[in-house]
Amino acid sequence: MARLPCGLRPELWAAVVLVAALAGCSQAPMRSSSPPAPARTTPPAGGWIALPSHDHAQEVVLYALGLLDTGYRFGGKNPEAGLDCSGMVSYIVEQVSGRKLPYNAAGIAERTRPVATQALRPGDLVFFNTLGRAYSHMGIYMGDGKFIHAPSSKGKVRVDRLDSRYFSERFEGARTLLPDG
């Protein structure tokens, strides 16, 4: 039997797959009233970090959905101990692809390729300024204007809308883990 993320029961995993498939059906990008902060457009010295293939992006979304309701913990790097936003993204990417990401939102933003908000695809990363500094919070875009993240408020991994008042006012930009082409 195939290993399911986070020990999910097969019937619950089927529901997660259905939700992800439905989210991907309508991939209308979020419309922001304010322009995103400038993002690095040239690759860092070591190059952009990217997933091995486009198929991994959907796996990232599915894995993230499997972490819904996981408890929040500042500095958390695994579901058993709790996750923070960058810990959640780093954990998922490593589980799905074996690739290691830097362990903070700003570091991940620095090492991932920018993508236009209008071109967001499921599995892309979205960044916010929630602490008065650029790229202080992040999540995984799942399609239909929604993203999955580990917020400190309410203490659990959850889905929110990019066009919600809170997040649209704090949106910094999007980055992708998808390979070029």
C-alpha atoms as a PDB file:
ATOM      1  CA  MET A   1       0.000   0.000   0.000  1.00  0.00           C
ATOM      2  CA  ALA A   2       1.275   3.472  -0.875  1.00  0.00           C
ATOM      3  CA  ARG A   3       2.488   5.695   1.957  1.00  0.00           C
ATOM      4  CA  LEU A   4       0.028   8.506   2.607  1.00  0.00           C
ATOM      5  CA  PRO A   5       1.194  11.875   3.937  1.00  0.00           C
ATOM      6  CA  CYS A   6       0.922  12.375   7.678  1.00  0.00           C
ATOM      7  CA  GLY A   7      -0.648   8.951   8.188  1.00  0.00           C
ATOM      8  CA  LEU A   8      -3.978   9.958   6.651  1.00  0.00           C
ATOM      9  CA  ARG A   9      -6.582   7.250   6.284  1.00  0.00           C
ATOM     10  CA  PRO A  10      -7.262   6.323   2.614  1.00  0.00           C
ATOM     11  CA  GLU A  11     -10.837   7.677   2.712  1.00  0.00           C
ATOM     12  CA  LEU A  12      -9.619  11.030   4.082  1.00  0.00           C
ATOM     13  CA  TRP A  13      -6.837  11.143   1.498  1.00  0.00           C
ATOM     14  CA  ALA A  14      -9.463  10.635  -1.234  1.00  0.00           C
ATOM     15  CA  ALA A  15     -11.292  13.726   0.072  1.00  0.00           C
ATOM     16  CA  VAL A  16      -8.033  15.712   0.067  1.00  0.00           C
ATOM     17  CA  VAL A  17      -7.373  14.693  -3.549  1.00  0.00           C
ATOM     18  CA  LEU A  18     -10.913  15.721  -4.533  1.00  0.00           C
ATOM     19  CA  VAL A  19     -10.566  19.140  -2.869  1.00  0.00           C
ATOM     20  CA  ALA A  20      -7.223  19.698  -4.591  1.00  0.00           C
ATOM     21  CA  ALA A  21      -8.628  18.686  -7.963  1.00  0.00           C
ATOM     22  CA  LEU A  22     -11.550  21.048  -7.563  1.00  0.00           C
ATOM     23  CA  ALA A  23      -9.262  23.876  -6.483  1.00  0.00           C
ATOM     24  CA  GLY A  24      -7.183  23.378  -9.599  1.00  0.00           C
ATOM     25  CA  CYS A  25     -10.213  23.594 -11.891  1.00  0.00           C
ATOM     26  CA  SER A  26     -10.483  27.343 -11.518  1.00  0.00           C
ATOM     27  CA  GLN A  27      -7.102  28.943 -11.317  1.00  0.00           C
ATOM     28  CA  ALA A  28      -8.122  32.578 -11.529  1.00  0.00           C
ATOM     29  CA  PRO A  29      -5.279  34.617 -10.116  1.00  0.00           C
ATOM     30  CA  MET A  30      -5.703  36.872  -7.151  1.00  0.00           C
ATOM     31  CA  ARG A  31      -6.119  40.546  -8.021  1.00  0.00           C
ATOM     32  CA  SER A  32      -4.181  42.818  -5.737  1.00  0.00           C
ATOM     33  CA  SER A  33      -5.010  46.491  -5.442  1.00  0.00           C
ATOM     34  CA  SER A  34      -1.454  47.334  -4.453  1.00  0.00           C
ATOM     35  CA  PRO A  35       1.643  46.429  -6.467  1.00  0.00           C
ATOM     36  CA  PRO A  36       3.862  43.736  -4.983  1.00  0.00           C
ATOM     37  CA  ALA A  37       7.229  44.654  -3.533  1.00  0.00           C
ATOM     38  CA  PRO A  38      10.148  44.347  -5.932  1.00  0.00           C
ATOM     39  CA  ALA A  39      11.489  40.814  -5.992  1.00  0.00           C
ATOM     40  CA  ARG A  40      14.861  39.481  -7.025  1.00  0.00           C
ATOM     41  CA  THR A  41      14.771  38.783 -10.753  1.00  0.00           C
ATOM     42  CA  THR A  42      18.288  37.459 -11.229  1.00  0.00           C
ATOM     43  CA  PRO A  43      19.235  34.015  -9.947  1.00  0.00           C
ATOM     44  CA  PRO A  44      21.337  33.846  -6.796  1.00  0.00           C
ATOM     45  CA  ALA A  45      24.904  32.522  -7.116  1.00  0.00           C
ATOM     46  CA  GLY A  46      23.772  28.916  -6.637  1.00  0.00           C
ATOM     47  CA  GLY A  47      20.799  29.293  -8.999  1.00  0.00           C
ATOM     48  CA  TRP A  48      17.093  29.059  -8.258  1.00  0.00           C
ATOM     49  CA  ILE A  49      15.808  26.157  -6.190  1.00  0.00           C
ATOM     50  CA  ALA A  50      13.295  24.216  -8.297  1.00  0.00           C
ATOM     51  CA  LEU A  51      11.314  21.006  -8.092  1.00  0.00           C
ATOM     52  CA  PRO A  52      12.522  18.210 -10.387  1.00  0.00           C
ATOM     53  CA  SER A  53       9.327  18.320 -12.491  1.00  0.00           C
ATOM     54  CA  HIS A  54       5.999  20.099 -12.891  1.00  0.00           C
ATOM     55  CA  ASP A  55       4.232  17.010 -11.453  1.00  0.00           C
ATOM     56  CA  HIS A  56       5.761  17.750  -8.062  1.00  0.00           C
ATOM     57  CA  ALA A  57       3.803  21.015  -7.765  1.00  0.00           C
ATOM     58  CA  GLN A  58       0.474  19.186  -7.487  1.00  0.00           C
ATOM     59  CA  GLU A  59       2.046  16.818  -4.952  1.00  0.00           C
ATOM     60  CA  VAL A  60       3.108  19.855  -2.895  1.00  0.00           C
ATOM     61  CA  VAL A  61      -0.520  21.051  -2.795  1.00  0.00           C
ATOM     62  CA  LEU A  62      -1.839  17.587  -1.909  1.00  0.00           C
ATOM     63  CA  TYR A  63       0.719  17.168   0.850  1.00  0.00           C
ATOM     64  CA  ALA A  64      -0.138  20.615   2.226  1.00  0.00           C
ATOM     65  CA  LEU A  65      -3.836  19.698   2.308  1.00  0.00           C
ATOM     66  CA  GLY A  66      -2.879  16.636   4.320  1.00  0.00           C
ATOM     67  CA  LEU A  67      -1.421  18.966   6.962  1.00  0.00           C
ATOM     68  CA  LEU A  68      -4.627  20.974   7.505  1.00  0.00           C
ATOM     69  CA  ASP A  69      -5.311  21.466  11.227  1.00  0.00           C
ATOM     70  CA  THR A  70      -1.701  20.679  12.176  1.00  0.00           C
ATOM     71  CA  GLY A  71      -0.798  22.833  15.153  1.00  0.00           C
ATOM     72  CA  TYR A  72       1.271  25.999  14.855  1.00  0.00           C
ATOM     73  CA  ARG A  73       4.609  26.316  16.596  1.00  0.00           C
ATOM     74  CA  PHE A  74       7.074  29.136  16.037  1.00  0.00           C
ATOM     75  CA  GLY A  75      10.205  27.557  14.551  1.00  0.00           C
ATOM     76  CA  GLY A  76       8.328  24.293  14.001  1.00  0.00           C
ATOM     77  CA  LYS A  77       9.794  22.094  11.289  1.00  0.00           C
ATOM     78  CA  ASN A  78       7.660  18.938  11.401  1.00  0.00           C
ATOM     79  CA  PRO A  79       3.989  18.107  11.901  1.00  0.00           C
ATOM     80  CA  GLU A  80       4.538  16.156  15.118  1.00  0.00           C
ATOM     81  CA  ALA A  81       6.072  19.161  16.882  1.00  0.00           C
ATOM     82  CA  GLY A  82       4.034  21.806  15.055  1.00  0.00           C
ATOM     83  CA  LEU A  83       4.817  23.994  12.069  1.00  0.00           C
ATOM     84  CA  ASP A  84       5.349  27.633  11.287  1.00  0.00           C
ATOM     85  CA  CYS A  85       4.868  29.006   7.757  1.00  0.00           C
ATOM     86  CA  SER A  86       8.366  28.437   6.397  1.00  0.00           C
ATOM     87  CA  GLY A  87       8.760  25.206   8.340  1.00  0.00           C
ATOM     88  CA  MET A  88       5.580  23.886   6.679  1.00  0.00           C
ATOM     89  CA  VAL A  89       6.790  24.793   3.180  1.00  0.00           C
ATOM     90  CA  SER A  90      10.304  23.452   3.784  1.00  0.00           C
ATOM     91  CA  TYR A  91       8.965  20.210   5.253  1.00  0.00           C
ATOM     92  CA  ILE A  92       6.562  19.622   2.354  1.00  0.00           C
ATOM     93  CA  VAL A  93       9.122  20.357  -0.373  1.00  0.00           C
ATOM     94  CA  GLU A  94      11.637  18.027   1.248  1.00  0.00           C
ATOM     95  CA  GLN A  95       9.059  15.234   1.641  1.00  0.00           C
ATOM     96  CA  VAL A  96       7.845  15.563  -1.947  1.00  0.00           C
ATOM     97  CA  SER A  97      11.122  16.152  -3.760  1.00  0.00           C
ATOM     98  CA  GLY A  98      14.030  15.632  -1.386  1.00  0.00           C
ATOM     99  CA  ARG A  99      15.080  19.258  -2.015  1.00  0.00           C
ATOM    100  CA  LYS A 100      16.024  21.342   1.004  1.00  0.00           C
ATOM    101  CA  LEU A 101      14.922  24.948   1.278  1.00  0.00           C
ATOM    102  CA  PRO A 102      16.319  27.679   3.499  1.00  0.00           C
ATOM    103  CA  TYR A 103      14.495  27.785   6.804  1.00  0.00           C
ATOM    104  CA  ASN A 104      12.813  31.184   6.736  1.00  0.00           C
ATOM    105  CA  ALA A 105      10.358  32.889   4.401  1.00  0.00           C
ATOM    106  CA  ALA A 106      12.799  35.600   3.290  1.00  0.00           C
ATOM    107  CA  GLY A 107      15.488  32.994   2.528  1.00  0.00           C
ATOM    108  CA  ILE A 108      13.036  30.908   0.524  1.00  0.00           C
ATOM    109  CA  ALA A 109      11.913  34.007  -1.401  1.00  0.00           C
ATOM    110  CA  GLU A 110      15.533  34.840  -2.166  1.00  0.00           C
ATOM    111  CA  ARG A 111      16.213  31.372  -3.644  1.00  0.00           C
ATOM    112  CA  THR A 112      13.003  30.870  -5.657  1.00  0.00           C
ATOM    113  CA  ARG A 113      12.151  32.314  -9.059  1.00  0.00           C
ATOM    114  CA  PRO A 114       9.667  35.213  -9.192  1.00  0.00           C
ATOM    115  CA  VAL A 115       6.351  34.645 -10.932  1.00  0.00           C
ATOM    116  CA  ALA A 116       3.753  37.240 -11.890  1.00  0.00           C
ATOM    117  CA  THR A 117       0.651  37.223  -9.728  1.00  0.00           C
ATOM    118  CA  GLN A 118      -1.454  36.751 -12.874  1.00  0.00           C
ATOM    119  CA  ALA A 119       0.515  33.572 -13.675  1.00  0.00           C
ATOM    120  CA  LEU A 120       0.102  31.846 -10.274  1.00  0.00           C
ATOM    121  CA  ARG A 121      -0.284  28.068 -10.475  1.00  0.00           C
ATOM    122  CA  PRO A 122      -1.007  25.513  -7.766  1.00  0.00           C
ATOM    123  CA  GLY A 123       2.203  24.774  -5.895  1.00  0.00           C
ATOM    124  CA  ASP A 124       3.595  28.295  -6.275  1.00  0.00           C
ATOM    125  CA  LEU A 125       4.598  30.179  -3.136  1.00  0.00           C
ATOM    126  CA  VAL A 126       2.924  33.372  -1.963  1.00  0.00           C
ATOM    127  CA  PHE A 127       4.592  35.875   0.374  1.00  0.00           C
ATOM    128  CA  PHE A 128       3.290  38.516   2.744  1.00  0.00           C
ATOM    129  CA  ASN A 129       4.556  41.327   4.947  1.00  0.00           C
ATOM    130  CA  THR A 130       2.853  40.548   8.261  1.00  0.00           C
ATOM    131  CA  LEU A 131       5.535  41.779  10.659  1.00  0.00           C
ATOM    132  CA  GLY A 132       6.564  45.079   9.094  1.00  0.00           C
ATOM    133  CA  ARG A 133       9.288  43.446   7.021  1.00  0.00           C
ATOM    134  CA  ALA A 134       9.304  41.954   3.538  1.00  0.00           C
ATOM    135  CA  TYR A 135       8.637  38.239   3.162  1.00  0.00           C
ATOM    136  CA  SER A 136       7.808  37.653   6.824  1.00  0.00           C
ATOM    137  CA  HIS A 137       5.015  35.147   6.073  1.00  0.00           C
ATOM    138  CA  MET A 138       4.365  32.649   3.283  1.00  0.00           C
ATOM    139  CA  GLY A 139       2.056  29.929   2.049  1.00  0.00           C
ATOM    140  CA  ILE A 140       1.422  27.557  -0.844  1.00  0.00           C
ATOM    141  CA  TYR A 141      -0.989  28.626  -3.578  1.00  0.00           C
ATOM    142  CA  MET A 142      -3.601  25.960  -4.286  1.00  0.00           C
ATOM    143  CA  GLY A 143      -5.634  27.603  -7.059  1.00  0.00           C
ATOM    144  CA  ASP A 144      -8.904  29.531  -7.158  1.00  0.00           C
ATOM    145  CA  GLY A 145      -7.370  32.418  -5.182  1.00  0.00           C
ATOM    146  CA  LYS A 146      -6.696  30.222  -2.126  1.00  0.00           C
ATOM    147  CA  PHE A 147      -3.519  29.349  -0.275  1.00  0.00           C
ATOM    148  CA  ILE A 148      -2.508  27.025   2.546  1.00  0.00           C
ATOM    149  CA  HIS A 149      -0.374  28.369   5.376  1.00  0.00           C
ATOM    150  CA  ALA A 150       0.554  27.995   9.015  1.00  0.00           C
ATOM    151  CA  PRO A 151      -0.581  31.223  10.689  1.00  0.00           C
ATOM    152  CA  SER A 152       0.059  31.935  14.329  1.00  0.00           C
ATOM    153  CA  SER A 153      -3.514  33.111  14.767  1.00  0.00           C
ATOM    154  CA  LYS A 154      -5.933  30.313  15.561  1.00  0.00           C
ATOM    155  CA  GLY A 155      -2.897  28.052  15.817  1.00  0.00           C
ATOM    156  CA  LYS A 156      -3.435  25.593  12.940  1.00  0.00           C
ATOM    157  CA  VAL A 157      -2.538  25.060   9.287  1.00  0.00           C
ATOM    158  CA  ARG A 158      -5.476  26.370   7.284  1.00  0.00           C
ATOM    159  CA  VAL A 159      -6.681  27.669   3.916  1.00  0.00           C
ATOM    160  CA  ASP A 160      -7.282  31.390   3.365  1.00  0.00           C
ATOM    161  CA  ARG A 161      -8.081  33.588   0.376  1.00  0.00           C
ATOM    162  CA  LEU A 162      -5.488  35.861  -1.179  1.00  0.00           C
ATOM    163  CA  ASP A 163      -8.158  38.491  -1.750  1.00  0.00           C
ATOM    164  CA  SER A 164      -9.205  38.609   1.901  1.00  0.00           C
ATOM    165  CA  ARG A 165      -8.747  42.084   3.309  1.00  0.00           C
ATOM    166  CA  TYR A 166      -5.938  41.071   5.656  1.00  0.00           C
ATOM    167  CA  PHE A 167      -3.821  39.157   3.136  1.00  0.00           C
ATOM    168  CA  SER A 168      -4.462  41.338   0.078  1.00  0.00           C
ATOM    169  CA  GLU A 169      -3.169  44.368   2.001  1.00  0.00           C
ATOM    170  CA  ARG A 170       0.000  42.483   2.988  1.00  0.00           C
ATOM    171  CA  PHE A 171       0.724  40.594  -0.239  1.00  0.00           C
ATOM    172  CA  GLU A 172       4.413  40.883  -1.251  1.00  0.00           C
ATOM    173  CA  GLY A 173       4.521  38.710  -4.353  1.00  0.00           C
ATOM    174  CA  ALA A 174       4.747  35.167  -5.629  1.00  0.00           C
ATOM    175  CA  ARG A 175       7.624  32.831  -6.353  1.00  0.00           C
ATOM    176  CA  THR A 176       7.712  29.449  -8.033  1.00  0.00           C
ATOM    177  CA  LEU A 177       9.427  26.159  -7.427  1.00  0.00           C
ATOM    178  CA  LEU A 178       8.501  24.957 -10.918  1.00  0.00           C
ATOM    179  CA  PRO A 179      11.364  24.362 -13.304  1.00  0.00           C
ATOM    180  CA  ASP A 180      11.746  26.756 -16.246  1.00  0.00           C
ATOM    181  CA  GLY A 181       9.840  25.824 -19.372  1.00  0.00           C
END
